[in-house]
Amino acid sequence: MPAQIVMNTMVPFITADNYLPIDDVMKYYR
């Protein structure tokens, strides 16, 4: 449970930090 929440909390910040396009974010989750 904590791991899932940490992952979901950090991914938006990683996205912004690395200027990832939405397609890359979708690719990550899938």
All heavy atoms as atom14 arrays in JSON, in Angstrom:
{
  "sequence": "MPAQIVMNTMVPFITADNYLPIDDVMKYYR",
  "atom14_mask": [
    [1, 1, 1, 1, 1, 1, 1, 1, 0, 0, 0, 0, 0, 0],
    [1, 1, 1, 1, 1, 1, 1, 0, 0, 0, 0, 0, 0, 0],
    [1, 1, 1, 1, 1, 0, 0, 0, 0, 0, 0, 0, 0, 0],
    [1, 1, 1, 1, 1, 1, 1, 1, 1, 0, 0, 0, 0, 0],
    [1, 1, 1, 1, 1, 1, 1, 1, 0, 0, 0, 0, 0, 0],
    [1, 1, 1, 1, 1, 1, 1, 0, 0, 0, 0, 0, 0, 0],
    [1, 1, 1, 1, 1, 1, 1, 1, 0, 0, 0, 0, 0, 0],
    [1, 1, 1, 1, 1, 1, 1, 1, 0, 0, 0, 0, 0, 0],
    [1, 1, 1, 1, 1, 1, 1, 0, 0, 0, 0, 0, 0, 0],
    [1, 1, 1, 1, 1, 1, 1, 1, 0, 0, 0, 0, 0, 0],
    [1, 1, 1, 1, 1, 1, 1, 0, 0, 0, 0, 0, 0, 0],
    [1, 1, 1, 1, 1, 1, 1, 0, 0, 0, 0, 0, 0, 0],
    [1, 1, 1, 1, 1, 1, 1, 1, 1, 1, 1, 0, 0, 0],
    [1, 1, 1, 1, 1, 1, 1, 1, 0, 0, 0, 0, 0, 0],
    [1, 1, 1, 1, 1, 1, 1, 0, 0, 0, 0, 0, 0, 0],
    [1, 1, 1, 1, 1, 0, 0, 0, 0, 0, 0, 0, 0, 0],
    [1, 1, 1, 1, 1, 1, 1, 1, 0, 0, 0, 0, 0, 0],
    [1, 1, 1, 1, 1, 1, 1, 1, 0, 0, 0, 0, 0, 0],
    [1, 1, 1, 1, 1, 1, 1, 1, 1, 1, 1, 1, 0, 0],
    [1, 1, 1, 1, 1, 1, 1, 1, 0, 0, 0, 0, 0, 0],
    [1, 1, 1, 1, 1, 1, 1, 0, 0, 0, 0, 0, 0, 0],
    [1, 1, 1, 1, 1, 1, 1, 1, 0, 0, 0, 0, 0, 0],
    [1, 1, 1, 1, 1, 1, 1, 1, 0, 0, 0, 0, 0, 0],
    [1, 1, 1, 1, 1, 1, 1, 1, 0, 0, 0, 0, 0, 0],
    [1, 1, 1, 1, 1, 1, 1, 0, 0, 0, 0, 0, 0, 0],
    [1, 1, 1, 1, 1, 1, 1, 1, 0, 0, 0, 0, 0, 0],
    [1, 1, 1, 1, 1, 1, 1, 1, 1, 0, 0, 0, 0, 0],
    [1, 1, 1, 1, 1, 1, 1, 1, 1, 1, 1, 1, 0, 0],
    [1, 1, 1, 1, 1, 1, 1, 1, 1, 1, 1, 1, 0, 0],
    [1, 1, 1, 1, 1, 1, 1, 1, 1, 1, 1, 0, 0, 0]
  ],
  "atom14_positions": [
    [[0.81, -1.21, 0.0], [0.0, 0.0, 0.0], [0.85, 1.27, 0.0], [0.68, 2.14, -0.85], [-0.96, -0.01, 1.18], [-1.55, 1.35, 1.54], [-2.62, 2.01, 0.25], [-4.12, 1.11, 0.62], [0.0, 0.0, 0.0], [0.0, 0.0, 0.0], [0.0, 0.0, 0.0], [0.0, 0.0, 0.0], [0.0, 0.0, 0.0], [0.0, 0.0, 0.0]],
    [[1.79, 1.43, 0.95], [2.65, 2.62, 0.9], [3.4, 2.75, -0.43], [3.55, 3.85, -0.96], [3.61, 2.43, 2.07], [2.93, 1.49, 2.99], [2.07, 0.6, 2.14], [0.0, 0.0, 0.0], [0.0, 0.0, 0.0], [0.0, 0.0, 0.0], [0.0, 0.0, 0.0], [0.0, 0.0, 0.0], [0.0, 0.0, 0.0], [0.0, 0.0, 0.0]],
    [[3.88, 1.62, -0.96], [4.61, 1.66, -2.22], [3.73, 2.18, -3.35], [4.17, 3.0, -4.17], [5.15, 0.27, -2.56], [0.0, 0.0, 0.0], [0.0, 0.0, 0.0], [0.0, 0.0, 0.0], [0.0, 0.0, 0.0], [0.0, 0.0, 0.0], [0.0, 0.0, 0.0], [0.0, 0.0, 0.0], [0.0, 0.0, 0.0], [0.0, 0.0, 0.0]],
    [[2.49, 1.72, -3.4], [1.57, 2.17, -4.45], [1.33, 3.67, -4.34], [1.33, 4.4, -5.34], [0.24, 1.41, -4.33], [-0.75, 1.7, -5.44], [-0.34, 1.07, -6.76], [0.32, 0.04, -6.77], [-0.72, 1.69, -7.85], [0.0, 0.0, 0.0], [0.0, 0.0, 0.0], [0.0, 0.0, 0.0], [0.0, 0.0, 0.0], [0.0, 0.0, 0.0]],
    [[1.13, 4.15, -3.13], [0.86, 5.57, -2.94], [2.09, 6.42, -3.25], [1.98, 7.48, -3.87], [0.34, 5.82, -1.51], [-1.11, 5.34, -1.43], [0.46, 7.29, -1.12], [-1.79, 5.62, -0.12], [0.0, 0.0, 0.0], [0.0, 0.0, 0.0], [0.0, 0.0, 0.0], [0.0, 0.0, 0.0], [0.0, 0.0, 0.0], [0.0, 0.0, 0.0]],
    [[3.27, 5.96, -2.85], [4.49, 6.7, -3.17], [4.69, 6.77, -4.69], [5.01, 7.84, -5.24], [5.71, 6.06, -2.49], [7.01, 6.62, -3.06], [5.65, 6.3, -0.98], [0.0, 0.0, 0.0], [0.0, 0.0, 0.0], [0.0, 0.0, 0.0], [0.0, 0.0, 0.0], [0.0, 0.0, 0.0], [0.0, 0.0, 0.0], [0.0, 0.0, 0.0]],
    [[4.5, 5.66, -5.37], [4.64, 5.67, -6.83], [3.67, 6.67, -7.47], [4.06, 7.5, -8.3], [4.4, 4.28, -7.4], [5.53, 3.3, -7.16], [5.37, 1.78, -8.14], [3.86, 1.1, -7.49], [0.0, 0.0, 0.0], [0.0, 0.0, 0.0], [0.0, 0.0, 0.0], [0.0, 0.0, 0.0], [0.0, 0.0, 0.0], [0.0, 0.0, 0.0]],
    [[2.41, 6.58, -7.09], [1.4, 7.46, -7.7], [1.6, 8.92, -7.32], [1.21, 9.82, -8.05], [0.0, 6.99, -7.31], [-0.36, 5.68, -7.97], [0.23, 5.29, -8.97], [-1.31, 4.97, -7.41], [0.0, 0.0, 0.0], [0.0, 0.0, 0.0], [0.0, 0.0, 0.0], [0.0, 0.0, 0.0], [0.0, 0.0, 0.0], [0.0, 0.0, 0.0]],
    [[2.19, 9.16, -6.14], [2.48, 10.53, -5.73], [3.65, 11.12, -6.51], [3.62, 12.28, -6.92], [2.81, 10.57, -4.22], [1.68, 10.1, -3.48], [3.15, 11.99, -3.78], [0.0, 0.0, 0.0], [0.0, 0.0, 0.0], [0.0, 0.0, 0.0], [0.0, 0.0, 0.0], [0.0, 0.0, 0.0], [0.0, 0.0, 0.0], [0.0, 0.0, 0.0]],
    [[4.67, 10.3, -6.76], [5.88, 10.81, -7.36], [5.82, 10.93, -8.88], [6.51, 11.77, -9.47], [7.07, 9.93, -6.97], [7.42, 10.0, -5.49], [8.96, 9.14, -5.08], [10.17, 10.24, -5.84], [0.0, 0.0, 0.0], [0.0, 0.0, 0.0], [0.0, 0.0, 0.0], [0.0, 0.0, 0.0], [0.0, 0.0, 0.0], [0.0, 0.0, 0.0]],
    [[5.02, 10.11, -9.54], [5.0, 10.11, -11.01], [4.67, 11.48, -11.6], [5.35, 11.93, -12.54], [4.05, 9.03, -11.55], [3.77, 9.24, -13.03], [4.66, 7.65, -11.33], [0.0, 0.0, 0.0], [0.0, 0.0, 0.0], [0.0, 0.0, 0.0], [0.0, 0.0, 0.0], [0.0, 0.0, 0.0], [0.0, 0.0, 0.0], [0.0, 0.0, 0.0]],
    [[3.68, 12.23, -11.1], [3.45, 13.58, -11.66], [4.66, 14.5, -11.52], [4.95, 15.31, -12.42], [2.26, 14.1, -10.86], [1.56, 12.88, -10.38], [2.64, 11.89, -10.1], [0.0, 0.0, 0.0], [0.0, 0.0, 0.0], [0.0, 0.0, 0.0], [0.0, 0.0, 0.0], [0.0, 0.0, 0.0], [0.0, 0.0, 0.0], [0.0, 0.0, 0.0]],
    [[5.39, 14.38, -10.42], [6.59, 15.2, -10.23], [7.71, 14.76, -11.16], [8.46, 15.58, -11.69], [7.05, 15.14, -8.77], [6.09, 15.78, -7.81], [5.17, 15.03, -7.11], [6.11, 17.16, -7.62], [4.28, 15.62, -6.24], [5.22, 17.77, -6.74], [4.3, 17.0, -6.04], [0.0, 0.0, 0.0], [0.0, 0.0, 0.0], [0.0, 0.0, 0.0]],
    [[7.83, 13.45, -11.38], [8.82, 12.94, -12.32], [8.48, 13.42, -13.73], [9.36, 13.81, -14.5], [8.86, 11.4, -12.28], [9.37, 10.94, -10.91], [9.73, 10.85, -13.39], [9.24, 9.44, -10.7], [0.0, 0.0, 0.0], [0.0, 0.0, 0.0], [0.0, 0.0, 0.0], [0.0, 0.0, 0.0], [0.0, 0.0, 0.0], [0.0, 0.0, 0.0]],
    [[7.2, 13.4, -14.06], [6.75, 13.87, -15.37], [7.15, 15.32, -15.6], [7.7, 15.67, -16.65], [5.22, 13.72, -15.48], [4.86, 12.35, -15.33], [4.72, 14.25, -16.8], [0.0, 0.0, 0.0], [0.0, 0.0, 0.0], [0.0, 0.0, 0.0], [0.0, 0.0, 0.0], [0.0, 0.0, 0.0], [0.0, 0.0, 0.0], [0.0, 0.0, 0.0]],
    [[6.88, 16.17, -14.6], [7.23, 17.59, -14.72], [8.74, 17.79, -14.73], [9.27, 18.6, -15.5], [6.6, 18.37, -13.58], [0.0, 0.0, 0.0], [0.0, 0.0, 0.0], [0.0, 0.0, 0.0], [0.0, 0.0, 0.0], [0.0, 0.0, 0.0], [0.0, 0.0, 0.0], [0.0, 0.0, 0.0], [0.0, 0.0, 0.0], [0.0, 0.0, 0.0]],
    [[9.44, 17.03, -13.89], [10.89, 17.17, -13.76], [11.61, 16.83, -15.05], [12.66, 17.39, -15.37], [11.38, 16.26, -12.63], [12.71, 16.7, -12.06], [13.03, 17.9, -12.14], [13.43, 15.83, -11.53], [0.0, 0.0, 0.0], [0.0, 0.0, 0.0], [0.0, 0.0, 0.0], [0.0, 0.0, 0.0], [0.0, 0.0, 0.0], [0.0, 0.0, 0.0]],
    [[11.05, 15.89, -15.82], [11.69, 15.42, -17.04], [10.98, 15.88, -18.31], [11.32, 15.43, -19.41], [11.77, 13.89, -17.03], [12.68, 13.37, -15.93], [13.89, 13.35, -16.08], [12.09, 12.95, -14.82], [0.0, 0.0, 0.0], [0.0, 0.0, 0.0], [0.0, 0.0, 0.0], [0.0, 0.0, 0.0], [0.0, 0.0, 0.0], [0.0, 0.0, 0.0]],
    [[9.99, 16.77, -18.15], [9.23, 17.32, -19.29], [8.69, 16.2, -20.18], [8.78, 16.25, -21.41], [10.12, 18.26, -20.1], [10.72, 19.37, -19.28], [12.04, 19.3, -18.84], [9.97, 20.47, -18.9], [12.61, 20.3, -18.05], [10.52, 21.49, -18.12], [11.84, 21.39, -17.7], [12.39, 22.39, -16.93], [0.0, 0.0, 0.0], [0.0, 0.0, 0.0]],
    [[8.1, 15.2, -19.56], [7.59, 14.07, -20.32], [6.27, 14.41, -21.0], [5.37, 14.97, -20.37], [7.39, 12.87, -19.4], [8.62, 12.31, -18.69], [8.22, 11.13, -17.81], [9.69, 11.89, -19.69], [0.0, 0.0, 0.0], [0.0, 0.0, 0.0], [0.0, 0.0, 0.0], [0.0, 0.0, 0.0], [0.0, 0.0, 0.0], [0.0, 0.0, 0.0]],
    [[6.11, 14.05, -22.26], [4.82, 14.25, -22.93], [3.79, 13.25, -22.43], [4.13, 12.21, -21.84], [5.15, 14.0, -24.42], [6.35, 13.12, -24.39], [7.14, 13.51, -23.17], [0.0, 0.0, 0.0], [0.0, 0.0, 0.0], [0.0, 0.0, 0.0], [0.0, 0.0, 0.0], [0.0, 0.0, 0.0], [0.0, 0.0, 0.0], [0.0, 0.0, 0.0]],
    [[2.53, 13.55, -22.65], [1.46, 12.72, -22.12], [1.54, 11.29, -22.63], [1.21, 10.33, -21.93], [0.07, 13.34, -22.45], [-1.04, 12.56, -21.73], [-0.16, 13.36, -23.96], [-0.97, 12.64, -20.24], [0.0, 0.0, 0.0], [0.0, 0.0, 0.0], [0.0, 0.0, 0.0], [0.0, 0.0, 0.0], [0.0, 0.0, 0.0], [0.0, 0.0, 0.0]],
    [[2.01, 11.1, -23.87], [2.14, 9.74, -24.42], [3.11, 8.91, -23.6], [2.9, 7.71, -23.4], [2.59, 9.78, -25.88], [1.47, 10.17, -26.82], [0.31, 10.25, -26.37], [1.75, 10.39, -28.01], [0.0, 0.0, 0.0], [0.0, 0.0, 0.0], [0.0, 0.0, 0.0], [0.0, 0.0, 0.0], [0.0, 0.0, 0.0], [0.0, 0.0, 0.0]],
    [[4.18, 9.54, -23.13], [5.16, 8.81, -22.32], [4.57, 8.43, -20.95], [4.89, 7.38, -20.4], [6.42, 9.65, -22.11], [7.31, 9.66, -23.34], [6.93, 9.04, -24.36], [8.38, 10.31, -23.31], [0.0, 0.0, 0.0], [0.0, 0.0, 0.0], [0.0, 0.0, 0.0], [0.0, 0.0, 0.0], [0.0, 0.0, 0.0], [0.0, 0.0, 0.0]],
    [[3.73, 9.31, -20.42], [3.09, 9.01, -19.14], [2.12, 7.84, -19.3], [2.09, 6.92, -18.47], [2.35, 10.26, -18.6], [1.67, 9.93, -17.28], [3.32, 11.42, -18.43], [0.0, 0.0, 0.0], [0.0, 0.0, 0.0], [0.0, 0.0, 0.0], [0.0, 0.0, 0.0], [0.0, 0.0, 0.0], [0.0, 0.0, 0.0], [0.0, 0.0, 0.0]],
    [[1.34, 7.86, -20.37], [0.43, 6.74, -20.64], [1.2, 5.44, -20.82], [0.81, 4.38, -20.33], [-0.4, 7.04, -21.89], [-1.39, 8.18, -21.73], [-2.2, 8.6, -23.3], [-2.98, 7.04, -23.69], [0.0, 0.0, 0.0], [0.0, 0.0, 0.0], [0.0, 0.0, 0.0], [0.0, 0.0, 0.0], [0.0, 0.0, 0.0], [0.0, 0.0, 0.0]],
    [[2.32, 5.55, -21.54], [3.16, 4.37, -21.75], [3.65, 3.82, -20.42], [3.66, 2.6, -20.21], [4.35, 4.74, -22.64], [5.33, 3.6, -22.88], [6.48, 4.06, -23.77], [7.5, 2.93, -23.96], [8.63, 3.36, -24.83], [0.0, 0.0, 0.0], [0.0, 0.0, 0.0], [0.0, 0.0, 0.0], [0.0, 0.0, 0.0], [0.0, 0.0, 0.0]],
    [[4.05, 4.7, -19.53], [4.55, 4.26, -18.23], [3.5, 3.46, -17.48], [3.76, 2.35, -17.0], [5.0, 5.45, -17.38], [5.2, 5.06, -15.94], [6.29, 4.3, -15.56], [4.25, 5.4, -14.96], [6.47, 3.89, -14.25], [4.42, 4.98, -13.65], [5.52, 4.23, -13.3], [5.67, 3.81, -12.01], [0.0, 0.0, 0.0], [0.0, 0.0, 0.0]],
    [[2.28, 4.01, -17.34], [1.25, 3.32, -16.56], [0.85, 1.99, -17.19], [0.63, 0.99, -16.49], [0.03, 4.22, -16.41], [0.19, 5.28, -15.34], [0.27, 6.63, -15.66], [0.27, 4.92, -14.01], [0.42, 7.6, -14.67], [0.43, 5.87, -13.0], [0.5, 7.21, -13.35], [0.65, 8.16, -12.36], [0.0, 0.0, 0.0], [0.0, 0.0, 0.0]],
    [[0.77, 1.95, -18.5], [0.37, 0.71, -19.16], [1.47, -0.34, -19.12], [1.21, -1.53, -19.0], [-0.04, 1.02, -20.6], [-1.34, 1.82, -20.65], [-1.72, 2.24, -22.04], [-3.0, 2.95, -22.02], [-3.54, 3.55, -23.07], [-2.91, 3.54, -24.24], [-4.7, 4.16, -22.97], [0.0, 0.0, 0.0], [0.0, 0.0, 0.0], [0.0, 0.0, 0.0]]
  ]
}
